[in-house]
Amino acid sequence: MNNFASTVPSEIALGGIYVPPLLVAALICLILTSLTVRLLNKLRWHRFFVVPPLVELALAVIYTVLVGTFFIPS
């Protein structure tokens, strides 16, 4: 069990700078959210939502949880 704990990284090194995994997941989620919102605007689906900024926030939270859970080891 001690060997497993040493193999799981608690930080991610990007260019010699250590950043927390949640920050990397949040940056990826912002990119995914902006792409999704642009697609929704292009398809004119944003008019079906009462509060589009709230939908954007919800997408950001959903993407952060999914990316943090499945793609970023923490």
PDB file of N, CA and C in Angstrom:
ATOM      1  N   MET A   1       0.823  -1.188   0.000  1.00  0.00           N
ATOM      2  CA  MET A   1       0.000   0.000   0.000  1.00  0.00           C
ATOM      3  C   MET A   1       0.870   1.258   0.000  1.00  0.00           C
ATOM      4  N   ASN A   2       1.976   1.208   0.671  1.00  0.00           N
ATOM      5  CA  ASN A   2       2.869   2.357   0.701  1.00  0.00           C
ATOM      6  C   ASN A   2       3.467   2.603  -0.678  1.00  0.00           C
ATOM      7  N   ASN A   3       3.710   1.551  -1.442  1.00  0.00           N
ATOM      8  CA  ASN A   3       4.262   1.690  -2.790  1.00  0.00           C
ATOM      9  C   ASN A   3       3.268   2.386  -3.712  1.00  0.00           C
ATOM     10  N   PHE A   4       1.975   2.070  -3.567  1.00  0.00           N
ATOM     11  CA  PHE A   4       0.946   2.699  -4.391  1.00  0.00           C
ATOM     12  C   PHE A   4       0.854   4.195  -4.109  1.00  0.00           C
ATOM     13  N   ALA A   5       0.962   4.601  -2.868  1.00  0.00           N
ATOM     14  CA  ALA A   5       0.864   6.011  -2.503  1.00  0.00           C
ATOM     15  C   ALA A   5       2.019   6.813  -3.081  1.00  0.00           C
ATOM     16  N   SER A   6       3.156   6.198  -3.283  1.00  0.00           N
ATOM     17  CA  SER A   6       4.300   6.928  -3.823  1.00  0.00           C
ATOM     18  C   SER A   6       4.219   7.076  -5.341  1.00  0.00           C
ATOM     19  N   THR A   7       3.412   6.256  -6.016  1.00  0.00           N
ATOM     20  CA  THR A   7       3.319   6.350  -7.470  1.00  0.00           C
ATOM     21  C   THR A   7       2.256   7.339  -7.933  1.00  0.00           C
ATOM     22  N   VAL A   8       1.324   7.705  -7.079  1.00  0.00           N
ATOM     23  CA  VAL A   8       0.268   8.642  -7.453  1.00  0.00           C
ATOM     24  C   VAL A   8       0.789  10.066  -7.249  1.00  0.00           C
ATOM     25  N   PRO A   9       0.842  10.868  -8.313  1.00  0.00           N
ATOM     26  CA  PRO A   9       1.364  12.224  -8.154  1.00  0.00           C
ATOM     27  C   PRO A   9       0.341  13.133  -7.470  1.00  0.00           C
ATOM     28  N   SER A  10       0.843  14.002  -6.619  1.00  0.00           N
ATOM     29  CA  SER A  10      -0.056  14.960  -5.989  1.00  0.00           C
ATOM     30  C   SER A  10      -0.003  16.291  -6.724  1.00  0.00           C
ATOM     31  N   GLU A  11       0.989  16.484  -7.573  1.00  0.00           N
ATOM     32  CA  GLU A  11       1.115  17.692  -8.376  1.00  0.00           C
ATOM     33  C   GLU A  11       1.557  17.304  -9.786  1.00  0.00           C
ATOM     34  N   ILE A  12       1.286  18.192 -10.739  1.00  0.00           N
ATOM     35  CA  ILE A  12       1.651  17.947 -12.128  1.00  0.00           C
ATOM     36  C   ILE A  12       2.714  18.972 -12.513  1.00  0.00           C
ATOM     37  N   ALA A  13       3.793  18.515 -13.123  1.00  0.00           N
ATOM     38  CA  ALA A  13       4.874  19.410 -13.533  1.00  0.00           C
ATOM     39  C   ALA A  13       4.637  19.869 -14.971  1.00  0.00           C
ATOM     40  N   LEU A  14       4.494  21.159 -15.161  1.00  0.00           N
ATOM     41  CA  LEU A  14       4.342  21.757 -16.486  1.00  0.00           C
ATOM     42  C   LEU A  14       5.487  22.739 -16.696  1.00  0.00           C
ATOM     43  N   GLY A  15       6.464  22.335 -17.475  1.00  0.00           N
ATOM     44  CA  GLY A  15       7.598  23.202 -17.742  1.00  0.00           C
ATOM     45  C   GLY A  15       8.420  23.522 -16.508  1.00  0.00           C
ATOM     46  N   GLY A  16       8.515  22.591 -15.586  1.00  0.00           N
ATOM     47  CA  GLY A  16       9.293  22.807 -14.380  1.00  0.00           C
ATOM     48  C   GLY A  16       8.528  23.501 -13.277  1.00  0.00           C
ATOM     49  N   ILE A  17       7.270  23.808 -13.508  1.00  0.00           N
ATOM     50  CA  ILE A  17       6.431  24.452 -12.497  1.00  0.00           C
ATOM     51  C   ILE A  17       5.400  23.429 -12.044  1.00  0.00           C
ATOM     52  N   TYR A  18       5.298  23.239 -10.737  1.00  0.00           N
ATOM     53  CA  TYR A  18       4.345  22.290 -10.193  1.00  0.00           C
ATOM     54  C   TYR A  18       3.006  22.978  -9.974  1.00  0.00           C
ATOM     55  N   VAL A  19       1.951  22.393 -10.539  1.00  0.00           N
ATOM     56  CA  VAL A  19       0.600  22.943 -10.392  1.00  0.00           C
ATOM     57  C   VAL A  19      -0.315  21.847  -9.856  1.00  0.00           C
ATOM     58  N   PRO A  20      -1.343  22.242  -9.099  1.00  0.00           N
ATOM     59  CA  PRO A  20      -2.275  21.239  -8.592  1.00  0.00           C
ATOM     60  C   PRO A  20      -3.127  20.640  -9.716  1.00  0.00           C
ATOM     61  N   PRO A  21      -3.521  19.389  -9.575  1.00  0.00           N
ATOM     62  CA  PRO A  21      -4.314  18.736 -10.625  1.00  0.00           C
ATOM     63  C   PRO A  21      -5.653  19.423 -10.884  1.00  0.00           C
ATOM     64  N   LEU A  22      -6.264  19.989  -9.855  1.00  0.00           N
ATOM     65  CA  LEU A  22      -7.553  20.655 -10.044  1.00  0.00           C
ATOM     66  C   LEU A  22      -7.406  21.903 -10.920  1.00  0.00           C
ATOM     67  N   LEU A  23      -6.284  22.585 -10.832  1.00  0.00           N
ATOM     68  CA  LEU A  23      -6.047  23.750 -11.682  1.00  0.00           C
ATOM     69  C   LEU A  23      -5.934  23.339 -13.145  1.00  0.00           C
ATOM     70  N   VAL A  24      -5.250  22.246 -13.412  1.00  0.00           N
ATOM     71  CA  VAL A  24      -5.133  21.745 -14.787  1.00  0.00           C
ATOM     72  C   VAL A  24      -6.511  21.324 -15.297  1.00  0.00           C
ATOM     73  N   ALA A  25      -7.282  20.638 -14.457  1.00  0.00           N
ATOM     74  CA  ALA A  25      -8.632  20.227 -14.851  1.00  0.00           C
ATOM     75  C   ALA A  25      -9.508  21.436 -15.111  1.00  0.00           C
ATOM     76  N   ALA A  26      -9.376  22.486 -14.317  1.00  0.00           N
ATOM     77  CA  ALA A  26     -10.179  23.694 -14.507  1.00  0.00           C
ATOM     78  C   ALA A  26      -9.807  24.408 -15.805  1.00  0.00           C
ATOM     79  N   LEU A  27      -8.538  24.451 -16.144  1.00  0.00           N
ATOM     80  CA  LEU A  27      -8.130  25.084 -17.396  1.00  0.00           C
ATOM     81  C   LEU A  27      -8.646  24.305 -18.608  1.00  0.00           C
ATOM     82  N   ILE A  28      -8.572  22.985 -18.533  1.00  0.00           N
ATOM     83  CA  ILE A  28      -9.107  22.165 -19.620  1.00  0.00           C
ATOM     84  C   ILE A  28     -10.611  22.342 -19.721  1.00  0.00           C
ATOM     85  N   CYS A  29     -11.275  22.428 -18.580  1.00  0.00           N
ATOM     86  CA  CYS A  29     -12.733  22.578 -18.587  1.00  0.00           C
ATOM     87  C   CYS A  29     -13.143  23.927 -19.154  1.00  0.00           C
ATOM     88  N   LEU A  30     -12.375  24.968 -18.912  1.00  0.00           N
ATOM     89  CA  LEU A  30     -12.716  26.280 -19.486  1.00  0.00           C
ATOM     90  C   LEU A  30     -12.637  26.249 -21.006  1.00  0.00           C
ATOM     91  N   ILE A  31     -11.655  25.553 -21.529  1.00  0.00           N
ATOM     92  CA  ILE A  31     -11.542  25.418 -22.984  1.00  0.00           C
ATOM     93  C   ILE A  31     -12.722  24.633 -23.538  1.00  0.00           C
ATOM     94  N   LEU A  32     -13.051  23.506 -22.880  1.00  0.00           N
ATOM     95  CA  LEU A  32     -14.182  22.700 -23.334  1.00  0.00           C
ATOM     96  C   LEU A  32     -15.502  23.459 -23.223  1.00  0.00           C
ATOM     97  N   THR A  33     -15.660  24.227 -22.153  1.00  0.00           N
ATOM     98  CA  THR A  33     -16.891  24.994 -21.965  1.00  0.00           C
ATOM     99  C   THR A  33     -17.030  26.072 -23.029  1.00  0.00           C
ATOM    100  N   SER A  34     -15.943  26.768 -23.331  1.00  0.00           N
ATOM    101  CA  SER A  34     -16.036  27.819 -24.343  1.00  0.00           C
ATOM    102  C   SER A  34     -16.343  27.237 -25.721  1.00  0.00           C
ATOM    103  N   LEU A  35     -15.766  26.060 -26.024  1.00  0.00           N
ATOM    104  CA  LEU A  35     -16.079  25.409 -27.297  1.00  0.00           C
ATOM    105  C   LEU A  35     -17.545  24.972 -27.354  1.00  0.00           C
ATOM    106  N   THR A  36     -18.054  24.449 -26.253  1.00  0.00           N
ATOM    107  CA  THR A  36     -19.449  24.022 -26.206  1.00  0.00           C
ATOM    108  C   THR A  36     -20.397  25.201 -26.323  1.00  0.00           C
ATOM    109  N   VAL A  37     -20.090  26.300 -25.642  1.00  0.00           N
ATOM    110  CA  VAL A  37     -20.950  27.483 -25.707  1.00  0.00           C
ATOM    111  C   VAL A  37     -20.934  28.080 -27.111  1.00  0.00           C
ATOM    112  N   ARG A  38     -19.785  28.089 -27.751  1.00  0.00           N
ATOM    113  CA  ARG A  38     -19.729  28.573 -29.139  1.00  0.00           C
ATOM    114  C   ARG A  38     -20.565  27.702 -30.063  1.00  0.00           C
ATOM    115  N   LEU A  39     -20.515  26.398 -29.851  1.00  0.00           N
ATOM    116  CA  LEU A  39     -21.332  25.485 -30.652  1.00  0.00           C
ATOM    117  C   LEU A  39     -22.825  25.720 -30.394  1.00  0.00           C
ATOM    118  N   LEU A  40     -23.194  25.905 -29.128  1.00  0.00           N
ATOM    119  CA  LEU A  40     -24.595  26.185 -28.804  1.00  0.00           C
ATOM    120  C   LEU A  40     -25.057  27.504 -29.426  1.00  0.00           C
ATOM    121  N   ASN A  41     -24.203  28.505 -29.420  1.00  0.00           N
ATOM    122  CA  ASN A  41     -24.558  29.783 -30.027  1.00  0.00           C
ATOM    123  C   ASN A  41     -24.655  29.671 -31.544  1.00  0.00           C
ATOM    124  N   LYS A  42     -23.766  28.903 -32.142  1.00  0.00           N
ATOM    125  CA  LYS A  42     -23.790  28.738 -33.594  1.00  0.00           C
ATOM    126  C   LYS A  42     -25.048  27.999 -34.049  1.00  0.00           C
ATOM    127  N   LEU A  43     -25.465  27.011 -33.265  1.00  0.00           N
ATOM    128  CA  LEU A  43     -26.673  26.263 -33.582  1.00  0.00           C
ATOM    129  C   LEU A  43     -27.944  26.966 -33.091  1.00  0.00           C
ATOM    130  N   ARG A  44     -27.776  28.106 -32.426  1.00  0.00           N
ATOM    131  CA  ARG A  44     -28.864  28.922 -31.882  1.00  0.00           C
ATOM    132  C   ARG A  44     -29.680  28.175 -30.830  1.00  0.00           C
ATOM    133  N   TRP A  45     -29.040  27.288 -30.077  1.00  0.00           N
ATOM    134  CA  TRP A  45     -29.719  26.577 -29.003  1.00  0.00           C
ATOM    135  C   TRP A  45     -29.757  27.394 -27.728  1.00  0.00           C
ATOM    136  N   HIS A  46     -28.953  28.453 -27.649  1.00  0.00           N
ATOM    137  CA  HIS A  46     -28.922  29.262 -26.435  1.00  0.00           C
ATOM    138  C   HIS A  46     -30.265  29.929 -26.164  1.00  0.00           C
ATOM    139  N   ARG A  47     -31.096  30.071 -27.158  1.00  0.00           N
ATOM    140  CA  ARG A  47     -32.396  30.725 -26.971  1.00  0.00           C
ATOM    141  C   ARG A  47     -33.370  29.845 -26.204  1.00  0.00           C
ATOM    142  N   PHE A  48     -33.088  28.556 -26.072  1.00  0.00           N
ATOM    143  CA  PHE A  48     -33.959  27.661 -25.325  1.00  0.00           C
ATOM    144  C   PHE A  48     -33.691  27.671 -23.831  1.00  0.00           C
ATOM    145  N   PHE A  49     -32.639  28.336 -23.407  1.00  0.00           N
ATOM    146  CA  PHE A  49     -32.289  28.400 -21.989  1.00  0.00           C
ATOM    147  C   PHE A  49     -32.765  29.726 -21.412  1.00  0.00           C
ATOM    148  N   VAL A  50     -33.317  29.675 -20.208  1.00  0.00           N
ATOM    149  CA  VAL A  50     -33.801  30.893 -19.556  1.00  0.00           C
ATOM    150  C   VAL A  50     -32.619  31.754 -19.121  1.00  0.00           C
ATOM    151  N   VAL A  51     -31.603  31.123 -18.530  1.00  0.00           N
ATOM    152  CA  VAL A  51     -30.425  31.849 -18.039  1.00  0.00           C
ATOM    153  C   VAL A  51     -29.176  31.199 -18.655  1.00  0.00           C
ATOM    154  N   PRO A  52     -28.755  31.653 -19.844  1.00  0.00           N
ATOM    155  CA  PRO A  52     -27.586  31.039 -20.489  1.00  0.00           C
ATOM    156  C   PRO A  52     -26.291  31.073 -19.663  1.00  0.00           C
ATOM    157  N   PRO A  53     -26.000  32.148 -18.896  1.00  0.00           N
ATOM    158  CA  PRO A  53     -24.772  32.096 -18.086  1.00  0.00           C
ATOM    159  C   PRO A  53     -24.796  30.999 -17.019  1.00  0.00           C
ATOM    160  N   LEU A  54     -25.972  30.681 -16.517  1.00  0.00           N
ATOM    161  CA  LEU A  54     -26.079  29.597 -15.538  1.00  0.00           C
ATOM    162  C   LEU A  54     -25.815  28.244 -16.196  1.00  0.00           C
ATOM    163  N   VAL A  55     -26.236  28.091 -17.433  1.00  0.00           N
ATOM    164  CA  VAL A  55     -25.949  26.866 -18.189  1.00  0.00           C
ATOM    165  C   VAL A  55     -24.441  26.759 -18.435  1.00  0.00           C
ATOM    166  N   GLU A  56     -23.817  27.882 -18.739  1.00  0.00           N
ATOM    167  CA  GLU A  56     -22.363  27.882 -18.948  1.00  0.00           C
ATOM    168  C   GLU A  56     -21.624  27.498 -17.669  1.00  0.00           C
ATOM    169  N   LEU A  57     -22.066  28.015 -16.537  1.00  0.00           N
ATOM    170  CA  LEU A  57     -21.460  27.653 -15.259  1.00  0.00           C
ATOM    171  C   LEU A  57     -21.660  26.172 -14.959  1.00  0.00           C
ATOM    172  N   ALA A  58     -22.855  25.659 -15.234  1.00  0.00           N
ATOM    173  CA  ALA A  58     -23.127  24.244 -14.997  1.00  0.00           C
ATOM    174  C   ALA A  58     -22.254  23.367 -15.887  1.00  0.00           C
ATOM    175  N   LEU A  59     -22.075  23.760 -17.144  1.00  0.00           N
ATOM    176  CA  LEU A  59     -21.192  23.001 -18.037  1.00  0.00           C
ATOM    177  C   LEU A  59     -19.755  23.007 -17.522  1.00  0.00           C
ATOM    178  N   ALA A  60     -19.310  24.151 -17.011  1.00  0.00           N
ATOM    179  CA  ALA A  60     -17.948  24.243 -16.485  1.00  0.00           C
ATOM    180  C   ALA A  60     -17.765  23.306 -15.294  1.00  0.00           C
ATOM    181  N   VAL A  61     -18.747  23.255 -14.413  1.00  0.00           N
ATOM    182  CA  VAL A  61     -18.651  22.373 -13.248  1.00  0.00           C
ATOM    183  C   VAL A  61     -18.676  20.907 -13.687  1.00  0.00           C
ATOM    184  N   ILE A  62     -19.570  20.580 -14.603  1.00  0.00           N
ATOM    185  CA  ILE A  62     -19.664  19.193 -15.085  1.00  0.00           C
ATOM    186  C   ILE A  62     -18.365  18.769 -15.766  1.00  0.00           C
ATOM    187  N   TYR A  63     -17.825  19.629 -16.628  1.00  0.00           N
ATOM    188  CA  TYR A  63     -16.573  19.291 -17.305  1.00  0.00           C
ATOM    189  C   TYR A  63     -15.415  19.177 -16.314  1.00  0.00           C
ATOM    190  N   THR A  64     -15.385  20.033 -15.302  1.00  0.00           N
ATOM    191  CA  THR A  64     -14.307  19.964 -14.313  1.00  0.00           C
ATOM    192  C   THR A  64     -14.346  18.645 -13.560  1.00  0.00           C
ATOM    193  N   VAL A  65     -15.524  18.226 -13.160  1.00  0.00           N
ATOM    194  CA  VAL A  65     -15.650  16.956 -12.434  1.00  0.00           C
ATOM    195  C   VAL A  65     -15.264  15.788 -13.332  1.00  0.00           C
ATOM    196  N   LEU A  66     -15.737  15.791 -14.576  1.00  0.00           N
ATOM    197  CA  LEU A  66     -15.429  14.683 -15.478  1.00  0.00           C
ATOM    198  C   LEU A  66     -13.941  14.617 -15.822  1.00  0.00           C
ATOM    199  N   VAL A  67     -13.352  15.751 -16.142  1.00  0.00           N
ATOM    200  CA  VAL A  67     -11.919  15.764 -16.480  1.00  0.00           C
ATOM    201  C   VAL A  67     -11.084  15.417 -15.250  1.00  0.00           C
ATOM    202  N   GLY A  68     -11.443  15.973 -14.099  1.00  0.00           N
ATOM    203  CA  GLY A  68     -10.702  15.683 -12.880  1.00  0.00           C
ATOM    204  C   GLY A  68     -10.816  14.237 -12.452  1.00  0.00           C
ATOM    205  N   THR A  69     -11.931  13.609 -12.731  1.00  0.00           N
ATOM    206  CA  THR A  69     -12.145  12.224 -12.315  1.00  0.00           C
ATOM    207  C   THR A  69     -11.498  11.234 -13.274  1.00  0.00           C
ATOM    208  N   PHE A  70     -11.682  11.441 -14.570  1.00  0.00           N
ATOM    209  CA  PHE A  70     -11.272  10.419 -15.523  1.00  0.00           C
ATOM    210  C   PHE A  70      -9.944  10.666 -16.223  1.00  0.00           C
ATOM    211  N   PHE A  71      -9.480  11.909 -16.310  1.00  0.00           N
ATOM    212  CA  PHE A  71      -8.278  12.186 -17.098  1.00  0.00           C
ATOM    213  C   PHE A  71      -7.097  12.690 -16.295  1.00  0.00           C
ATOM    214  N   ILE A  72      -7.338  13.290 -15.147  1.00  0.00           N
ATOM    215  CA  ILE A  72      -6.247  13.813 -14.320  1.00  0.00           C
ATOM    216  C   ILE A  72      -6.099  12.907 -13.102  1.00  0.00           C
ATOM    217  N   PRO A  73      -5.009  12.181 -12.987  1.00  0.00           N
ATOM    218  CA  PRO A  73      -4.823  11.345 -11.801  1.00  0.00           C
ATOM    219  C   PRO A  73      -4.494  12.213 -10.591  1.00  0.00           C
ATOM    220  N   SER A  74      -5.201  11.990  -9.518  1.00  0.00           N
ATOM    221  CA  SER A  74      -4.910  12.765  -8.299  1.00  0.00           C
ATOM    222  C   SER A  74      -4.975  11.898  -7.080  1.00  0.00           C
TER     223      SER A  74
END
